[in-house]
Amino acid sequence: MTGIMRTTLYFAGRALAALMLVSLLNACISTQEASKYQVDEAKALDSHVTLALKYIEGKNRESARHHLRKAMEIDPRSVEANYALAMLYQLEGEMDLADNQFEKTLRLDSSYSRARNNYGAMLFDEGHYEAAFKQFDLAAKDLDYDARPQALVNLGRTALKLGNTKKAESAFEHAARLAPAMAVVKYELAELNFAKGEYKVAKQYLDAYEQIARPAPQTLLLGIKMERVFGNSDREASYALLLKNKYPYSKEYLEYKSMLEQSEK
């Protein structure tokens, strides 16, 4: 092999190696750019959904819809975006659309308990208690769901609507174990035990509620009924005065007035 031939092969090898290096660098750059684009898209999607849900909470339908359009353009199969759209339909009173959208969300991700809990709440408000019970039951069984105690409370309330007191009590007690500082479950257990005639237990739960939360119309009315059972007229009058002063237009105050009228007959 001549010197010229060796030199030609040498430079050809150098050129090939350089070409391979450039190709490798271009591939790395392309991969990095694609990865960065995916991260930016994910951030944008999350931002749009978060803002949409905040606008829905504030009942700002148009702004919520704007961000949901942007989110759907990025990923029409986003579970969070589809869930937010269901919440928007519900806010707008489009209950059939909301129902379909909740179902679509759960088809995309059957483990999305946040959607199940809110879907159940919508069904409950519409009086579809058996369907609501199913959604709450599934959400309450999700050990990783951060709002599991609330799902259990919802399950208990629905069980009461279906006449299943035993299931309701079990759900409320489970919620109380998971969230000892949850005031609403203490009221629910007070109300349930009062209805069963377990007045001492009911009083304990109502006292526990009052230690951690402000009085609500329903807790004040329950207090009136309870102190009437125990014959404590001073405490009954105290509850009644609070109910009258704080919630004079509540259905609980109207019920209390009706109670007074019945006792005076």
Protein backbone atom coordinates (compact mmCIF):
# COMPACT_ATOMS: atom_id res chain seq x y z
CA MET A 1 0.00 0.00 0.00
CA THR A 2 1.46 3.40 -1.02
CA GLY A 3 1.96 6.37 1.26
CA ILE A 4 -0.79 8.24 -0.54
CA MET A 5 -3.26 5.45 0.02
CA ARG A 6 -2.41 5.25 3.72
CA THR A 7 -2.90 8.99 4.13
CA THR A 8 -6.24 8.90 2.34
CA LEU A 9 -7.48 6.08 4.55
CA TYR A 10 -6.23 7.89 7.64
CA PHE A 11 -8.12 11.09 6.82
CA ALA A 12 -11.20 9.09 5.76
CA GLY A 13 -11.18 7.37 9.18
CA ARG A 14 -10.84 10.72 10.94
CA ALA A 15 -13.75 12.14 8.95
CA LEU A 16 -15.94 9.13 9.74
CA ALA A 17 -15.15 9.37 13.44
CA ALA A 18 -15.95 13.10 13.41
CA LEU A 19 -19.23 12.44 11.61
CA MET A 20 -20.20 9.81 14.17
CA LEU A 21 -19.35 12.19 17.04
CA VAL A 22 -21.46 14.97 15.51
CA SER A 23 -24.37 12.53 15.02
CA LEU A 24 -24.06 11.40 18.63
CA LEU A 25 -24.00 14.97 19.92
CA ASN A 26 -27.02 15.88 17.79
CA ALA A 27 -28.89 12.87 19.16
CA CYS A 28 -28.07 13.88 22.74
CA ILE A 29 -29.17 17.46 22.09
CA SER A 30 -32.42 16.24 20.49
CA THR A 31 -33.10 13.94 23.44
CA GLN A 32 -32.43 16.74 25.93
CA GLU A 33 -34.67 19.13 24.00
CA ALA A 34 -37.47 16.55 23.84
CA SER A 35 -37.14 15.85 27.56
CA LYS A 36 -37.21 19.58 28.37
CA TYR A 37 -40.27 20.03 26.15
CA GLN A 38 -42.08 17.21 27.96
CA VAL A 39 -41.24 18.72 31.37
CA ASP A 40 -42.43 22.16 30.24
CA GLU A 41 -45.66 20.65 28.86
CA ALA A 42 -46.31 18.79 32.11
CA LYS A 43 -45.76 21.98 34.12
CA ALA A 44 -48.07 23.95 31.85
CA LEU A 45 -50.76 21.27 32.08
CA ASP A 46 -50.56 21.19 35.87
CA SER A 47 -50.69 24.99 36.04
CA HIS A 48 -53.77 25.22 33.81
CA VAL A 49 -55.65 22.54 35.79
CA THR A 50 -54.73 24.08 39.14
CA LEU A 51 -55.92 27.50 38.02
CA ALA A 52 -59.10 26.05 36.53
CA LEU A 53 -60.00 24.36 39.83
CA LYS A 54 -59.34 27.57 41.75
CA TYR A 55 -61.61 29.49 39.38
CA ILE A 56 -64.27 26.79 39.73
CA GLU A 57 -64.05 27.12 43.51
CA GLY A 58 -64.51 30.88 43.09
CA LYS A 59 -67.41 30.28 40.65
CA ASN A 60 -65.55 32.06 37.84
CA ARG A 61 -66.77 29.88 34.98
CA GLU A 62 -65.23 31.74 32.04
CA SER A 63 -61.70 31.82 33.44
CA ALA A 64 -61.96 28.16 34.41
CA ARG A 65 -63.11 27.23 30.92
CA HIS A 66 -60.21 29.20 29.36
CA HIS A 67 -57.63 27.23 31.33
CA LEU A 68 -59.36 23.92 30.69
CA ARG A 69 -59.27 24.56 26.93
CA LYS A 70 -55.51 25.11 27.22
CA ALA A 71 -55.11 21.98 29.33
CA MET A 72 -57.08 19.84 26.88
CA GLU A 73 -54.96 21.12 23.99
CA ILE A 74 -51.89 19.80 25.78
CA ASP A 75 -53.37 16.45 26.81
CA PRO A 76 -57.04 15.56 26.15
CA ARG A 77 -56.58 12.36 28.17
CA SER A 78 -55.32 14.11 31.29
CA VAL A 79 -57.23 12.65 34.25
CA GLU A 80 -56.97 15.86 36.25
CA ALA A 81 -58.16 18.03 33.36
CA ASN A 82 -61.14 15.76 32.69
CA TYR A 83 -62.00 15.79 36.40
CA ALA A 84 -61.86 19.60 36.47
CA LEU A 85 -64.15 19.71 33.44
CA ALA A 86 -66.66 17.53 35.30
CA MET A 87 -66.56 19.98 38.19
CA LEU A 88 -67.11 22.89 35.79
CA TYR A 89 -70.16 21.21 34.24
CA GLN A 90 -71.54 20.64 37.73
CA LEU A 91 -71.01 24.31 38.61
CA GLU A 92 -72.89 25.29 35.46
CA GLY A 93 -75.80 23.03 36.31
CA GLU A 94 -75.14 20.75 33.32
CA MET A 95 -75.72 17.63 35.38
CA ASP A 96 -75.91 15.13 32.49
CA LEU A 97 -72.64 16.44 31.08
CA ALA A 98 -71.08 16.38 34.55
CA ASP A 99 -72.24 12.79 35.06
CA ASN A 100 -70.73 11.70 31.73
CA GLN A 101 -67.52 13.58 32.43
CA PHE A 102 -67.08 12.01 35.88
CA GLU A 103 -67.61 8.58 34.29
CA LYS A 104 -65.05 9.40 31.58
CA THR A 105 -62.53 10.52 34.23
CA LEU A 106 -62.95 7.26 36.14
CA ARG A 107 -62.57 5.24 32.94
CA LEU A 108 -59.25 6.99 32.41
CA ASP A 109 -58.20 6.21 36.00
CA SER A 110 -60.45 4.04 38.16
CA SER A 111 -58.22 4.71 41.19
CA TYR A 112 -58.76 8.49 41.12
CA SER A 113 -60.61 8.72 44.45
CA ARG A 114 -60.85 12.50 44.41
CA ALA A 115 -63.15 12.24 41.42
CA ARG A 116 -65.12 9.39 43.03
CA ASN A 117 -65.73 11.37 46.22
CA ASN A 118 -66.91 14.46 44.35
CA TYR A 119 -68.97 12.39 41.92
CA GLY A 120 -70.61 10.77 44.93
CA ALA A 121 -71.35 14.19 46.42
CA MET A 122 -73.08 15.24 43.21
CA LEU A 123 -75.13 12.04 43.09
CA PHE A 124 -76.06 12.50 46.77
CA ASP A 125 -77.29 16.05 46.13
CA GLU A 126 -79.43 14.72 43.29
CA GLY A 127 -80.96 12.08 45.56
CA HIS A 128 -79.27 9.12 43.84
CA TYR A 129 -78.24 7.59 47.15
CA GLU A 130 -77.43 4.05 46.02
CA ALA A 131 -75.16 5.32 43.23
CA ALA A 132 -73.56 7.81 45.64
CA PHE A 133 -73.01 5.06 48.21
CA LYS A 134 -71.08 3.01 45.62
CA GLN A 135 -68.74 5.91 44.82
CA PHE A 136 -68.14 6.83 48.47
CA ASP A 137 -67.55 3.19 49.38
CA LEU A 138 -64.84 2.83 46.72
CA ALA A 139 -63.19 6.13 47.71
CA ALA A 140 -63.27 5.19 51.41
CA LYS A 141 -61.47 1.92 50.67
CA ASP A 142 -58.52 3.74 49.06
CA LEU A 143 -55.86 3.66 51.78
CA ASP A 144 -53.78 6.30 49.97
CA TYR A 145 -56.60 8.83 49.53
CA ASP A 146 -55.73 11.90 51.61
CA ALA A 147 -59.41 12.82 52.09
CA ARG A 148 -60.41 9.33 53.14
CA PRO A 149 -62.00 10.47 56.45
CA GLN A 150 -64.32 12.82 54.54
CA ALA A 151 -65.22 9.99 52.17
CA LEU A 152 -66.12 7.87 55.20
CA VAL A 153 -68.32 10.65 56.59
CA ASN A 154 -70.02 10.93 53.21
CA LEU A 155 -70.46 7.15 53.17
CA GLY A 156 -72.05 7.28 56.62
CA ARG A 157 -74.46 10.05 55.68
CA THR A 158 -75.51 8.14 52.57
CA ALA A 159 -75.97 4.95 54.57
CA LEU A 160 -78.38 6.86 56.84
CA LYS A 161 -80.36 7.97 53.80
CA LEU A 162 -80.59 4.31 52.79
CA GLY A 163 -81.71 3.30 56.28
CA ASN A 164 -78.52 1.41 57.10
CA THR A 165 -77.75 2.75 60.59
CA LYS A 166 -75.21 0.04 61.37
CA LYS A 167 -73.13 0.84 58.28
CA ALA A 168 -73.40 4.56 59.00
CA GLU A 169 -72.14 4.17 62.55
CA SER A 170 -69.27 1.97 61.39
CA ALA A 171 -68.24 4.54 58.77
CA PHE A 172 -68.42 7.46 61.22
CA GLU A 173 -66.40 5.60 63.86
CA HIS A 174 -63.78 4.67 61.26
CA ALA A 175 -63.52 8.33 60.21
CA ALA A 176 -63.16 9.34 63.86
CA ARG A 177 -60.24 6.93 64.29
CA LEU A 178 -58.49 8.25 61.19
CA ALA A 179 -59.11 11.92 62.02
CA PRO A 180 -59.65 12.43 65.78
CA ALA A 181 -59.73 16.22 65.37
CA MET A 182 -62.42 16.14 62.67
CA ALA A 183 -65.33 18.05 64.17
CA VAL A 184 -68.05 17.05 61.73
CA VAL A 185 -67.75 13.34 62.50
CA LYS A 186 -68.26 14.04 66.21
CA TYR A 187 -71.51 15.81 65.39
CA GLU A 188 -72.62 12.92 63.16
CA LEU A 189 -71.94 10.41 65.94
CA ALA A 190 -73.74 12.64 68.45
CA GLU A 191 -76.77 12.87 66.16
CA LEU A 192 -76.78 9.16 65.40
CA ASN A 193 -76.52 8.12 69.07
CA PHE A 194 -79.22 10.61 70.06
CA ALA A 195 -81.54 9.07 67.46
CA LYS A 196 -80.80 5.62 68.92
CA GLY A 197 -81.62 6.84 72.43
CA GLU A 198 -77.99 6.61 73.57
CA TYR A 199 -78.18 10.04 75.16
CA LYS A 200 -75.08 9.81 77.37
CA VAL A 201 -72.87 8.77 74.44
CA ALA A 202 -74.48 11.45 72.28
CA LYS A 203 -73.70 14.09 74.92
CA GLN A 204 -70.06 13.00 75.03
CA TYR A 205 -69.71 13.40 71.28
CA LEU A 206 -71.45 16.79 71.27
CA ASP A 207 -69.18 18.01 74.08
CA ALA A 208 -66.16 16.79 72.08
CA TYR A 209 -67.43 18.72 69.05
CA GLU A 210 -67.81 21.91 71.07
CA GLN A 211 -64.23 21.67 72.29
CA ILE A 212 -62.79 21.92 68.78
CA ALA A 213 -65.36 23.77 66.64
CA ARG A 214 -67.71 26.73 66.68
CA PRO A 215 -71.43 26.09 67.10
CA ALA A 216 -73.42 25.41 63.95
CA PRO A 217 -77.23 25.53 63.61
CA GLN A 218 -77.53 21.74 63.64
CA THR A 219 -75.30 21.31 66.71
CA LEU A 220 -77.22 24.00 68.61
CA LEU A 221 -80.56 22.36 67.82
CA LEU A 222 -79.16 18.99 68.89
CA GLY A 223 -77.95 20.60 72.11
CA ILE A 224 -81.45 21.97 72.76
CA LYS A 225 -83.01 18.54 72.25
CA MET A 226 -80.38 16.84 74.39
CA GLU A 227 -80.65 19.23 77.34
CA ARG A 228 -84.42 18.90 77.16
CA VAL A 229 -84.01 15.13 77.56
CA PHE A 230 -81.73 15.64 80.57
CA GLY A 231 -84.07 18.28 82.02
CA ASN A 232 -81.39 20.98 82.06
CA SER A 233 -83.52 24.06 81.28
CA ASP A 234 -80.67 26.56 81.74
CA ARG A 235 -78.44 24.83 79.19
CA GLU A 236 -81.40 24.41 76.86
CA ALA A 237 -82.12 28.15 77.08
CA SER A 238 -78.45 28.95 76.44
CA TYR A 239 -78.42 26.85 73.26
CA ALA A 240 -81.73 28.40 72.17
CA LEU A 241 -80.44 31.95 72.64
CA LEU A 242 -77.33 31.20 70.59
CA LEU A 243 -79.44 29.68 67.82
CA LYS A 244 -81.76 32.68 67.76
CA ASN A 245 -78.99 35.27 67.78
CA LYS A 246 -76.59 33.60 65.36
CA TYR A 247 -78.91 31.77 62.96
CA PRO A 248 -82.37 33.39 63.12
CA TYR A 249 -83.19 32.46 59.51
CA SER A 250 -82.00 28.86 59.63
CA LYS A 251 -84.29 25.86 59.23
CA GLU A 252 -83.02 24.70 62.62
CA TYR A 253 -84.37 27.83 64.31
CA LEU A 254 -87.71 27.32 62.56
CA GLU A 255 -87.75 23.74 63.83
CA TYR A 256 -87.00 24.98 67.36
CA LYS A 257 -89.90 27.47 67.16
CA SER A 258 -92.13 24.64 66.00
CA MET A 259 -90.99 22.59 68.99
CA LEU A 260 -91.93 25.45 71.30
CA GLU A 261 -95.36 25.78 69.74
CA GLN A 262 -95.98 22.05 70.11
CA SER A 263 -94.94 22.07 73.77
CA GLU A 264 -97.25 25.01 74.51
CA LYS A 265 -100.33 23.21 73.13
